[in-house]
Amino acid sequence: MLGFSERLQLLRALNKVSQEQLAKALGVSRMRVSHYEVGRNVPDSDFVIKAAKYFNVSADYILGLSDVKNTDTDLQAICKELNLSEKAVENLRNTKEKAVDLMLGSDEWNNFIDGVAQFLRSNENTEYQKFLATQRFLKLLDSVSGEI
């Protein structure tokens, strides 16, 4: 994992910001930014916070304590708990959204939901009917999961 100096250089390069521009935006001298980037000086907490806000990354990321750039604490927790990258979590979210879209757009799914609603409204809910409804639901889920 990269440390603060490397992260500061990387963020500046990715955002096409010169040392002079960053120094001006954060209210420090260009020399100070240069010293941070080569590891000659250690930044104070005020600089870390300002730089993190400027680049829209977490302080943990800019300090080199995490590879999660995002400032969303929920996303940070998910990445840490599951040991996944931000990209992997985003892919999972997209897959979930695709699955929901497939299910909601499916005539079979809509017919199934209508059938469940009718079943729940009826007074003749036998165990066998419940079993059949469950089997139909599982079959539908299998067919939808194959499309993802």
Protein backbone atom coordinates (compact mmCIF):
# COMPACT_ATOMS: atom_id res chain seq x y z
CA MET A 1 0.00 0.00 0.00
CA LEU A 2 1.27 3.45 -0.88
CA GLY A 3 2.12 5.94 1.87
CA PHE A 4 1.10 9.59 2.20
CA SER A 5 3.88 10.97 -0.02
CA GLU A 6 3.09 8.63 -2.90
CA ARG A 7 -0.65 9.11 -2.53
CA LEU A 8 -0.33 12.89 -2.61
CA GLN A 9 1.78 12.67 -5.78
CA LEU A 10 -0.65 10.20 -7.35
CA LEU A 11 -3.74 12.26 -6.54
CA ARG A 12 -2.11 15.39 -7.89
CA ALA A 13 -1.14 13.61 -11.11
CA LEU A 14 -4.55 11.97 -11.58
CA ASN A 15 -6.29 15.31 -11.08
CA LYS A 16 -3.71 17.19 -13.22
CA VAL A 17 -2.97 19.66 -10.44
CA SER A 18 0.44 21.28 -10.07
CA GLN A 19 2.18 21.66 -6.74
CA GLU A 20 1.61 25.40 -7.04
CA GLN A 21 -2.13 24.98 -7.65
CA LEU A 22 -2.50 22.56 -4.74
CA ALA A 23 -0.48 24.79 -2.43
CA LYS A 24 -2.65 27.79 -3.27
CA ALA A 25 -5.89 25.84 -2.82
CA LEU A 26 -4.81 24.50 0.57
CA GLY A 27 -3.19 27.70 1.82
CA VAL A 28 0.41 26.46 2.08
CA SER A 29 3.62 27.09 0.16
CA ARG A 30 4.62 25.09 -2.91
CA MET A 31 7.79 24.10 -1.05
CA ARG A 32 5.69 22.56 1.73
CA VAL A 33 3.77 20.43 -0.80
CA SER A 34 7.09 19.40 -2.35
CA HIS A 35 8.49 18.41 1.05
CA TYR A 36 5.39 16.31 1.78
CA GLU A 37 5.68 14.55 -1.57
CA VAL A 38 9.32 13.58 -1.08
CA GLY A 39 8.73 12.56 2.52
CA ARG A 40 10.95 15.26 3.97
CA ASN A 41 8.16 16.57 6.23
CA VAL A 42 5.17 14.89 7.82
CA PRO A 43 1.86 16.71 7.29
CA ASP A 44 -0.22 17.94 10.21
CA SER A 45 -3.82 16.84 10.59
CA ASP A 46 -5.11 20.13 9.17
CA PHE A 47 -3.26 19.57 5.88
CA VAL A 48 -4.41 15.94 5.67
CA ILE A 49 -8.04 16.95 6.15
CA LYS A 50 -7.84 19.78 3.61
CA ALA A 51 -6.08 17.58 1.04
CA ALA A 52 -8.59 14.74 1.52
CA LYS A 53 -11.49 17.14 1.01
CA TYR A 54 -9.79 18.77 -1.97
CA PHE A 55 -9.32 15.42 -3.73
CA ASN A 56 -12.62 14.00 -2.41
CA VAL A 57 -10.99 10.95 -0.81
CA SER A 58 -10.96 9.65 2.74
CA ALA A 59 -8.21 10.71 5.12
CA ASP A 60 -7.38 7.02 5.59
CA TYR A 61 -6.80 6.73 1.85
CA ILE A 62 -4.55 9.76 1.57
CA LEU A 63 -2.55 8.62 4.62
CA GLY A 64 -2.04 5.19 3.06
CA LEU A 65 -4.05 3.36 5.72
CA SER A 66 -6.69 2.13 3.27
CA ASP A 67 -7.06 1.49 -0.43
CA VAL A 68 -10.67 2.71 -0.30
CA LYS A 69 -10.82 6.23 -1.75
CA ASN A 70 -14.49 6.80 -1.10
CA THR A 71 -15.58 8.92 1.85
CA ASP A 72 -18.77 6.85 2.23
CA THR A 73 -18.27 5.14 5.60
CA ASP A 74 -20.76 2.39 4.74
CA LEU A 75 -18.80 1.54 1.62
CA GLN A 76 -15.55 1.62 3.57
CA ALA A 77 -16.99 -0.81 6.13
CA ILE A 78 -18.23 -3.17 3.42
CA CYS A 79 -14.85 -3.15 1.67
CA LYS A 80 -13.03 -3.80 4.92
CA GLU A 81 -15.40 -6.49 6.20
CA LEU A 82 -15.52 -8.42 2.92
CA ASN A 83 -11.93 -7.62 1.92
CA LEU A 84 -13.16 -6.32 -1.44
CA SER A 85 -12.14 -3.34 -3.53
CA GLU A 86 -14.48 -0.44 -4.24
CA LYS A 87 -14.74 -1.73 -7.83
CA ALA A 88 -15.81 -5.20 -6.64
CA VAL A 89 -18.51 -3.76 -4.37
CA GLU A 90 -19.75 -1.56 -7.23
CA ASN A 91 -19.92 -4.62 -9.50
CA LEU A 92 -21.98 -6.45 -6.89
CA ARG A 93 -24.37 -3.49 -6.63
CA ASN A 94 -24.76 -3.43 -10.43
CA THR A 95 -25.42 -7.18 -10.53
CA LYS A 96 -28.09 -6.82 -7.84
CA GLU A 97 -29.75 -4.00 -9.80
CA LYS A 98 -29.70 -6.10 -12.99
CA ALA A 99 -31.31 -9.02 -11.15
CA VAL A 100 -34.07 -6.81 -9.78
CA ASP A 101 -34.66 -5.27 -13.23
CA LEU A 102 -34.88 -8.74 -14.81
CA MET A 103 -37.34 -9.94 -12.20
CA LEU A 104 -39.53 -6.85 -12.33
CA GLY A 105 -39.57 -6.83 -16.12
CA SER A 106 -40.48 -10.49 -16.40
CA ASP A 107 -44.07 -11.48 -17.25
CA GLU A 108 -43.44 -14.76 -15.46
CA TRP A 109 -42.43 -12.85 -12.33
CA ASN A 110 -45.47 -10.59 -12.51
CA ASN A 111 -47.77 -13.60 -13.01
CA PHE A 112 -46.15 -15.29 -10.05
CA ILE A 113 -46.68 -12.23 -7.82
CA ASP A 114 -50.32 -12.07 -8.90
CA GLY A 115 -50.69 -15.76 -8.07
CA VAL A 116 -49.13 -15.27 -4.62
CA ALA A 117 -51.48 -12.37 -3.94
CA GLN A 118 -54.51 -14.46 -4.92
CA PHE A 119 -53.24 -17.36 -2.86
CA LEU A 120 -52.81 -15.18 0.22
CA ARG A 121 -56.31 -13.72 -0.21
CA SER A 122 -57.96 -17.14 -0.48
CA ASN A 123 -59.22 -18.94 2.59
CA GLU A 124 -58.22 -22.38 1.29
CA ASN A 125 -54.50 -22.26 2.02
CA THR A 126 -53.66 -25.92 2.31
CA GLU A 127 -50.16 -27.10 3.05
CA TYR A 128 -50.01 -28.62 -0.41
CA GLN A 129 -50.89 -25.27 -2.02
CA LYS A 130 -48.20 -23.58 0.05
CA PHE A 131 -45.72 -26.23 -1.07
CA LEU A 132 -46.64 -25.71 -4.74
CA ALA A 133 -46.33 -21.92 -4.39
CA THR A 134 -42.90 -22.32 -2.80
CA GLN A 135 -41.76 -24.69 -5.56
CA ARG A 136 -42.98 -22.26 -8.24
CA PHE A 137 -41.12 -19.42 -6.53
CA LEU A 138 -37.87 -21.40 -6.35
CA LYS A 139 -38.20 -22.40 -10.02
CA LEU A 140 -38.67 -18.75 -10.98
CA LEU A 141 -35.64 -17.69 -8.97
CA ASP A 142 -33.54 -20.38 -10.70
CA SER A 143 -34.65 -19.15 -14.13
CA VAL A 144 -33.89 -15.52 -13.29
CA SER A 145 -30.49 -16.30 -11.75
CA GLY A 146 -29.46 -18.00 -15.00
CA GLU A 147 -30.01 -14.69 -16.87
CA ILE A 148 -27.64 -12.64 -14.70
